[in-house]
Amino acid sequence: MPARSFKMGPGTLTLGATGTLIDISCQITSAVLKPDKDKEDDLRTLCGDVVPGEITYTWTLNATIVQDLSTGGINEWSLTHAGEQQPFKFVPNTVLDKGFQGIITVDPLSIGGEVKTRPTAEVEWSLVGQPVPFDPTPTP
């Protein structure tokens, strides 16, 4: 099988439900859906058998976001929805026509930064469950 790769962007990242959707694609400088693996220790028995430890995965949506203090911007949205579970859709590259969706728990963004810079905020939003692949452009 030949090597395959993709370039990050242009893509999209939207947050919230239909009707209250916020598109923060142009505020994103980095976005990653990141799994974290937790494996229990194996259990060894007297006869030499091994009962494998259970494996669980938790997911986060990690992003670097250019802060936006405007009314309805991402900073205000994250404050308004802090602690809530909100849907998201993430498409790393629109040409590939493959996206991932799920539910995040919203944490508010930091506000401000160094003088004479364009401040960004680093977020790590926990997912409820795992992301689900979807095709952004449904076939007719």
N, C-alpha and C. Protein backbone atom coordinates (compact mmCIF):
# COMPACT_ATOMS: atom_id res chain seq x y z
N MET A 1 0.85 -1.17 0.00
CA MET A 1 0.00 0.00 0.00
C MET A 1 0.90 1.24 0.00
N PRO A 2 0.63 2.19 -0.88
CA PRO A 2 1.47 3.39 -0.92
C PRO A 2 1.22 4.28 0.30
N ALA A 3 2.21 5.09 0.62
CA ALA A 3 2.07 6.03 1.73
C ALA A 3 1.00 7.06 1.40
N ARG A 4 0.23 7.42 2.41
CA ARG A 4 -0.81 8.44 2.24
C ARG A 4 -0.63 9.50 3.30
N SER A 5 -0.98 10.71 2.95
CA SER A 5 -0.80 11.84 3.85
C SER A 5 -1.81 12.91 3.48
N PHE A 6 -1.95 13.91 4.32
CA PHE A 6 -2.79 15.05 3.99
C PHE A 6 -2.21 16.30 4.62
N LYS A 7 -2.58 17.44 4.06
CA LYS A 7 -2.20 18.72 4.63
C LYS A 7 -3.35 19.21 5.48
N MET A 8 -3.01 19.75 6.64
CA MET A 8 -4.02 20.31 7.52
C MET A 8 -4.50 21.63 6.92
N GLY A 9 -5.79 21.73 6.65
CA GLY A 9 -6.42 22.92 6.14
C GLY A 9 -6.36 23.01 4.63
N PRO A 10 -7.21 23.83 4.03
CA PRO A 10 -8.27 24.53 4.74
C PRO A 10 -9.32 23.53 5.22
N GLY A 11 -9.87 23.83 6.38
CA GLY A 11 -10.86 22.95 6.98
C GLY A 11 -11.87 23.76 7.76
N THR A 12 -12.66 23.07 8.56
CA THR A 12 -13.69 23.75 9.35
C THR A 12 -13.77 23.18 10.76
N LEU A 13 -14.19 24.03 11.69
CA LEU A 13 -14.50 23.61 13.05
C LEU A 13 -15.70 24.42 13.51
N THR A 14 -16.80 23.72 13.73
CA THR A 14 -18.02 24.38 14.21
C THR A 14 -18.40 23.81 15.57
N LEU A 15 -19.01 24.67 16.37
CA LEU A 15 -19.43 24.30 17.73
C LEU A 15 -20.89 24.66 17.91
N GLY A 16 -21.60 23.87 18.69
CA GLY A 16 -22.98 24.17 19.02
C GLY A 16 -23.98 23.44 18.14
N ALA A 17 -25.24 23.58 18.53
CA ALA A 17 -26.33 22.91 17.84
C ALA A 17 -26.84 23.77 16.68
N THR A 18 -27.57 23.14 15.78
CA THR A 18 -28.19 23.86 14.67
C THR A 18 -29.04 25.00 15.24
N GLY A 19 -28.89 26.16 14.65
CA GLY A 19 -29.62 27.34 15.13
C GLY A 19 -28.78 28.21 16.05
N THR A 20 -27.81 27.59 16.75
CA THR A 20 -26.91 28.35 17.63
C THR A 20 -25.46 28.05 17.28
N LEU A 21 -25.25 27.54 16.07
CA LEU A 21 -23.93 27.13 15.60
C LEU A 21 -22.97 28.31 15.51
N ILE A 22 -21.73 28.09 15.94
CA ILE A 22 -20.67 29.10 15.78
C ILE A 22 -19.54 28.43 14.99
N ASP A 23 -19.11 29.10 13.92
CA ASP A 23 -18.03 28.59 13.08
C ASP A 23 -16.76 29.32 13.48
N ILE A 24 -15.80 28.58 14.06
CA ILE A 24 -14.56 29.19 14.52
C ILE A 24 -13.37 28.81 13.65
N SER A 25 -13.65 28.35 12.44
CA SER A 25 -12.60 27.88 11.53
C SER A 25 -11.50 28.92 11.32
N CYS A 26 -11.87 30.18 11.18
CA CYS A 26 -10.88 31.23 10.90
C CYS A 26 -10.17 31.71 12.16
N GLN A 27 -10.54 31.18 13.32
CA GLN A 27 -9.86 31.52 14.58
C GLN A 27 -8.86 30.44 14.99
N ILE A 28 -8.85 29.32 14.28
CA ILE A 28 -8.04 28.15 14.65
C ILE A 28 -6.67 28.20 13.99
N THR A 29 -5.61 28.06 14.80
CA THR A 29 -4.26 27.91 14.23
C THR A 29 -3.76 26.48 14.38
N SER A 30 -4.43 25.69 15.24
CA SER A 30 -4.07 24.29 15.43
C SER A 30 -5.28 23.58 16.05
N ALA A 31 -5.58 22.37 15.56
CA ALA A 31 -6.66 21.57 16.15
C ALA A 31 -6.30 20.10 16.03
N VAL A 32 -6.51 19.36 17.12
CA VAL A 32 -6.16 17.94 17.16
C VAL A 32 -7.20 17.20 17.99
N LEU A 33 -7.75 16.13 17.44
CA LEU A 33 -8.54 15.19 18.24
C LEU A 33 -7.54 14.18 18.80
N LYS A 34 -7.44 14.12 20.12
CA LYS A 34 -6.36 13.35 20.74
C LYS A 34 -6.91 12.26 21.67
N PRO A 35 -6.53 10.98 21.40
CA PRO A 35 -6.92 9.90 22.30
C PRO A 35 -5.92 9.76 23.44
N ASP A 36 -6.41 9.30 24.57
CA ASP A 36 -5.55 8.99 25.71
C ASP A 36 -5.91 7.57 26.16
N LYS A 37 -4.93 6.69 26.19
CA LYS A 37 -5.14 5.28 26.51
C LYS A 37 -4.86 5.02 27.98
N ASP A 38 -5.77 4.29 28.63
CA ASP A 38 -5.59 3.87 30.01
C ASP A 38 -5.76 2.35 30.05
N LYS A 39 -4.70 1.64 30.44
CA LYS A 39 -4.75 0.18 30.48
C LYS A 39 -4.49 -0.31 31.89
N GLU A 40 -5.41 -1.14 32.38
CA GLU A 40 -5.21 -1.76 33.69
C GLU A 40 -4.08 -2.78 33.58
N ASP A 41 -3.44 -3.08 34.70
CA ASP A 41 -2.41 -4.12 34.72
C ASP A 41 -3.03 -5.48 34.40
N ASP A 42 -2.25 -6.32 33.71
CA ASP A 42 -2.69 -7.69 33.48
C ASP A 42 -2.71 -8.45 34.80
N LEU A 43 -3.58 -9.45 34.88
CA LEU A 43 -3.69 -10.27 36.09
C LEU A 43 -3.11 -11.65 35.78
N ARG A 44 -2.03 -11.99 36.47
CA ARG A 44 -1.38 -13.28 36.24
C ARG A 44 -1.91 -14.30 37.26
N THR A 45 -2.19 -15.49 36.75
CA THR A 45 -2.75 -16.53 37.62
C THR A 45 -1.71 -17.61 37.89
N LEU A 46 -1.97 -18.41 38.90
CA LEU A 46 -1.05 -19.46 39.34
C LEU A 46 -0.71 -20.43 38.22
N CYS A 47 -1.68 -20.74 37.37
CA CYS A 47 -1.43 -21.73 36.30
C CYS A 47 -0.63 -21.17 35.14
N GLY A 48 -0.34 -19.86 35.17
CA GLY A 48 0.44 -19.27 34.11
C GLY A 48 -0.38 -18.47 33.11
N ASP A 49 -1.72 -18.55 33.23
CA ASP A 49 -2.57 -17.75 32.34
C ASP A 49 -2.45 -16.27 32.70
N VAL A 50 -2.83 -15.45 31.74
CA VAL A 50 -2.84 -14.01 31.95
C VAL A 50 -4.22 -13.48 31.55
N VAL A 51 -4.85 -12.80 32.49
CA VAL A 51 -6.11 -12.11 32.19
C VAL A 51 -5.73 -10.69 31.81
N PRO A 52 -5.97 -10.31 30.54
CA PRO A 52 -5.53 -8.99 30.11
C PRO A 52 -6.29 -7.88 30.83
N GLY A 53 -5.57 -6.80 31.13
CA GLY A 53 -6.19 -5.64 31.75
C GLY A 53 -7.09 -4.93 30.76
N GLU A 54 -8.14 -4.31 31.28
CA GLU A 54 -9.09 -3.60 30.44
C GLU A 54 -8.45 -2.31 29.91
N ILE A 55 -8.77 -1.99 28.67
CA ILE A 55 -8.26 -0.77 28.04
C ILE A 55 -9.44 0.18 27.82
N THR A 56 -9.24 1.43 28.20
CA THR A 56 -10.24 2.46 27.92
C THR A 56 -9.54 3.65 27.27
N TYR A 57 -10.28 4.34 26.43
CA TYR A 57 -9.77 5.53 25.76
C TYR A 57 -10.65 6.72 26.12
N THR A 58 -10.01 7.84 26.37
CA THR A 58 -10.72 9.10 26.50
C THR A 58 -10.18 10.03 25.43
N TRP A 59 -11.01 10.92 24.95
CA TRP A 59 -10.65 11.80 23.85
C TRP A 59 -10.76 13.25 24.26
N THR A 60 -9.92 14.09 23.67
CA THR A 60 -10.02 15.53 23.83
C THR A 60 -9.90 16.20 22.47
N LEU A 61 -10.49 17.38 22.38
CA LEU A 61 -10.28 18.26 21.23
C LEU A 61 -9.36 19.36 21.72
N ASN A 62 -8.11 19.33 21.28
CA ASN A 62 -7.12 20.33 21.66
C ASN A 62 -7.00 21.33 20.53
N ALA A 63 -6.99 22.62 20.89
CA ALA A 63 -6.92 23.64 19.85
C ALA A 63 -6.19 24.88 20.35
N THR A 64 -5.56 25.56 19.42
CA THR A 64 -5.03 26.90 19.66
C THR A 64 -5.96 27.83 18.91
N ILE A 65 -6.54 28.78 19.65
CA ILE A 65 -7.59 29.63 19.10
C ILE A 65 -7.18 31.09 19.23
N VAL A 66 -7.27 31.83 18.13
CA VAL A 66 -7.04 33.27 18.17
C VAL A 66 -8.22 33.87 18.92
N GLN A 67 -7.94 34.57 20.01
CA GLN A 67 -9.01 35.13 20.83
C GLN A 67 -9.84 36.14 20.04
N ASP A 68 -11.13 36.15 20.32
CA ASP A 68 -12.08 37.06 19.66
C ASP A 68 -13.01 37.60 20.74
N LEU A 69 -12.83 38.87 21.10
CA LEU A 69 -13.61 39.48 22.17
C LEU A 69 -14.89 40.15 21.66
N SER A 70 -15.22 39.97 20.39
CA SER A 70 -16.44 40.59 19.86
C SER A 70 -17.68 39.89 20.41
N THR A 71 -18.81 40.59 20.33
CA THR A 71 -20.08 40.01 20.75
C THR A 71 -20.37 38.79 19.87
N GLY A 72 -20.63 37.67 20.51
CA GLY A 72 -20.86 36.42 19.79
C GLY A 72 -19.60 35.70 19.38
N GLY A 73 -18.41 36.26 19.71
CA GLY A 73 -17.14 35.62 19.38
C GLY A 73 -16.87 34.40 20.26
N ILE A 74 -15.80 33.71 19.97
CA ILE A 74 -15.48 32.46 20.65
C ILE A 74 -15.22 32.65 22.14
N ASN A 75 -14.61 33.77 22.55
CA ASN A 75 -14.39 33.97 23.98
C ASN A 75 -15.72 34.08 24.72
N GLU A 76 -16.63 34.89 24.19
CA GLU A 76 -17.96 35.05 24.81
C GLU A 76 -18.72 33.73 24.78
N TRP A 77 -18.67 33.03 23.65
CA TRP A 77 -19.37 31.74 23.51
C TRP A 77 -18.88 30.76 24.57
N SER A 78 -17.55 30.69 24.76
CA SER A 78 -17.00 29.72 25.72
C SER A 78 -17.39 30.07 27.15
N LEU A 79 -17.54 31.35 27.46
CA LEU A 79 -18.00 31.76 28.80
C LEU A 79 -19.48 31.44 28.99
N THR A 80 -20.27 31.72 27.98
CA THR A 80 -21.71 31.49 28.05
C THR A 80 -22.02 30.00 28.20
N HIS A 81 -21.23 29.15 27.56
CA HIS A 81 -21.51 27.71 27.54
C HIS A 81 -20.57 26.90 28.44
N ALA A 82 -19.84 27.56 29.32
CA ALA A 82 -18.89 26.86 30.20
C ALA A 82 -19.59 25.74 30.98
N GLY A 83 -18.99 24.56 30.94
CA GLY A 83 -19.52 23.40 31.65
C GLY A 83 -20.59 22.64 30.90
N GLU A 84 -21.06 23.18 29.79
CA GLU A 84 -22.11 22.52 29.01
C GLU A 84 -21.52 21.50 28.03
N GLN A 85 -22.35 20.56 27.65
CA GLN A 85 -21.99 19.64 26.58
C GLN A 85 -22.57 20.19 25.29
N GLN A 86 -21.71 20.36 24.28
CA GLN A 86 -22.11 20.96 23.01
C GLN A 86 -21.58 20.10 21.86
N PRO A 87 -22.36 19.98 20.78
CA PRO A 87 -21.86 19.24 19.61
C PRO A 87 -20.76 20.02 18.87
N PHE A 88 -19.90 19.28 18.20
CA PHE A 88 -18.88 19.89 17.35
C PHE A 88 -18.76 19.09 16.07
N LYS A 89 -18.26 19.75 15.03
CA LYS A 89 -17.89 19.09 13.77
C LYS A 89 -16.54 19.65 13.35
N PHE A 90 -15.61 18.75 13.07
CA PHE A 90 -14.23 19.09 12.71
C PHE A 90 -13.89 18.43 11.39
N VAL A 91 -13.52 19.25 10.41
CA VAL A 91 -13.09 18.76 9.10
C VAL A 91 -11.66 19.26 8.90
N PRO A 92 -10.65 18.38 9.04
CA PRO A 92 -9.25 18.81 8.94
C PRO A 92 -8.86 19.36 7.56
N ASN A 93 -9.49 18.85 6.50
CA ASN A 93 -9.19 19.31 5.15
C ASN A 93 -10.44 19.10 4.30
N THR A 94 -11.05 20.18 3.84
CA THR A 94 -12.32 20.08 3.13
C THR A 94 -12.21 19.33 1.80
N VAL A 95 -11.03 19.32 1.18
CA VAL A 95 -10.86 18.61 -0.09
C VAL A 95 -11.03 17.10 0.10
N LEU A 96 -10.62 16.59 1.25
CA LEU A 96 -10.69 15.14 1.51
C LEU A 96 -12.11 14.68 1.80
N ASP A 97 -13.01 15.61 2.13
CA ASP A 97 -14.40 15.28 2.37
C ASP A 97 -14.57 14.23 3.47
N LYS A 98 -13.81 14.40 4.55
CA LYS A 98 -13.92 13.51 5.72
C LYS A 98 -13.87 14.36 6.97
N GLY A 99 -14.83 14.16 7.85
CA GLY A 99 -14.86 14.93 9.08
C GLY A 99 -15.11 14.04 10.29
N PHE A 100 -15.09 14.66 11.45
CA PHE A 100 -15.31 13.96 12.71
C PHE A 100 -16.23 14.82 13.56
N GLN A 101 -17.19 14.19 14.21
CA GLN A 101 -18.13 14.92 15.03
C GLN A 101 -18.31 14.23 16.37
N GLY A 102 -18.86 14.97 17.31
CA GLY A 102 -19.09 14.41 18.63
C GLY A 102 -19.61 15.49 19.56
N ILE A 103 -19.42 15.23 20.85
CA ILE A 103 -19.87 16.15 21.89
C ILE A 103 -18.67 16.52 22.75
N ILE A 104 -18.48 17.83 22.98
CA ILE A 104 -17.42 18.30 23.87
C ILE A 104 -18.06 18.88 25.13
N THR A 105 -17.27 18.92 26.21
CA THR A 105 -17.63 19.68 27.39
C THR A 105 -16.83 20.97 27.32
N VAL A 106 -17.54 22.10 27.28
CA VAL A 106 -16.92 23.40 27.04
C VAL A 106 -16.24 23.93 28.30
N ASP A 107 -15.00 24.33 28.15
CA ASP A 107 -14.26 25.09 29.18
C ASP A 107 -14.04 26.48 28.60
N PRO A 108 -14.09 27.52 29.44
CA PRO A 108 -13.88 28.87 28.91
C PRO A 108 -12.44 29.08 28.47
N LEU A 109 -12.28 29.96 27.49
CA LEU A 109 -10.95 30.32 26.98
C LEU A 109 -10.31 31.35 27.90
N SER A 110 -8.99 31.33 27.93
CA SER A 110 -8.28 32.41 28.62
C SER A 110 -8.51 33.70 27.83
N ILE A 111 -8.35 34.83 28.53
CA ILE A 111 -8.58 36.13 27.91
C ILE A 111 -7.34 36.98 28.10
N GLY A 112 -6.84 37.54 27.00
CA GLY A 112 -5.68 38.42 27.07
C GLY A 112 -4.38 37.69 26.78
N GLY A 113 -3.27 38.45 26.93
CA GLY A 113 -1.96 37.89 26.66
C GLY A 113 -0.92 38.98 26.74
N GLU A 114 0.20 38.76 26.07
CA GLU A 114 1.28 39.74 26.09
C GLU A 114 0.91 40.99 25.30
N VAL A 115 1.40 42.12 25.78
CA VAL A 115 1.14 43.40 25.13
C VAL A 115 1.73 43.39 23.71
N LYS A 116 1.04 44.02 22.80
CA LYS A 116 1.45 44.17 21.39
C LYS A 116 1.51 42.85 20.64
N THR A 117 0.70 41.85 21.09
CA THR A 117 0.60 40.58 20.37
C THR A 117 -0.87 40.30 20.09
N ARG A 118 -1.11 39.33 19.25
CA ARG A 118 -2.47 38.85 18.99
C ARG A 118 -2.64 37.60 19.85
N PRO A 119 -3.33 37.74 21.00
CA PRO A 119 -3.37 36.62 21.93
C PRO A 119 -4.16 35.42 21.41
N THR A 120 -3.63 34.26 21.75
CA THR A 120 -4.31 33.00 21.46
C THR A 120 -4.64 32.33 22.79
N ALA A 121 -5.49 31.33 22.72
CA ALA A 121 -5.85 30.54 23.89
C ALA A 121 -5.68 29.07 23.55
N GLU A 122 -5.10 28.33 24.45
CA GLU A 122 -4.97 26.88 24.31
C GLU A 122 -6.14 26.23 25.05
N VAL A 123 -6.86 25.34 24.37
CA VAL A 123 -7.97 24.64 25.02
C VAL A 123 -7.79 23.14 24.89
N GLU A 124 -8.35 22.44 25.85
CA GLU A 124 -8.40 20.98 25.82
C GLU A 124 -9.80 20.61 26.29
N TRP A 125 -10.71 20.50 25.32
CA TRP A 125 -12.09 20.17 25.63
C TRP A 125 -12.27 18.66 25.64
N SER A 126 -12.80 18.12 26.72
CA SER A 126 -13.07 16.68 26.84
C SER A 126 -14.24 16.29 25.95
N LEU A 127 -14.11 15.14 25.31
CA LEU A 127 -15.21 14.59 24.52
C LEU A 127 -16.04 13.65 25.37
N VAL A 128 -17.32 13.61 25.09
CA VAL A 128 -18.20 12.60 25.66
C VAL A 128 -18.15 11.43 24.68
N GLY A 129 -17.54 10.33 25.09
CA GLY A 129 -17.35 9.21 24.16
C GLY A 129 -16.20 9.50 23.21
N GLN A 130 -16.33 8.99 22.00
CA GLN A 130 -15.27 9.17 21.01
C GLN A 130 -15.83 9.89 19.79
N PRO A 131 -14.94 10.48 18.97
CA PRO A 131 -15.43 11.14 17.76
C PRO A 131 -15.96 10.11 16.76
N VAL A 132 -16.89 10.56 15.94
CA VAL A 132 -17.51 9.70 14.93
C VAL A 132 -17.21 10.29 13.55
N PRO A 133 -16.66 9.48 12.64
CA PRO A 133 -16.40 9.97 11.28
C PRO A 133 -17.71 10.31 10.56
N PHE A 134 -17.67 11.31 9.70
CA PHE A 134 -18.83 11.61 8.85
C PHE A 134 -18.34 12.22 7.54
N ASP A 135 -19.19 12.17 6.53
CA ASP A 135 -18.89 12.77 5.24
C ASP A 135 -19.56 14.14 5.20
N PRO A 136 -18.76 15.23 5.16
CA PRO A 136 -19.33 16.57 5.19
C PRO A 136 -20.25 16.89 4.01
N THR A 137 -19.99 16.29 2.85
CA THR A 137 -20.83 16.53 1.68
C THR A 137 -21.60 15.26 1.35
N PRO A 138 -22.85 15.15 1.82
CA PRO A 138 -23.61 13.91 1.54
C PRO A 138 -23.84 13.75 0.04
N THR A 139 -23.80 12.52 -0.40
CA THR A 139 -24.06 12.23 -1.81
C THR A 139 -25.56 12.25 -2.05
N PRO A 140 -25.99 12.79 -3.20
CA PRO A 140 -27.44 12.87 -3.50
C PRO A 140 -28.04 11.54 -3.83
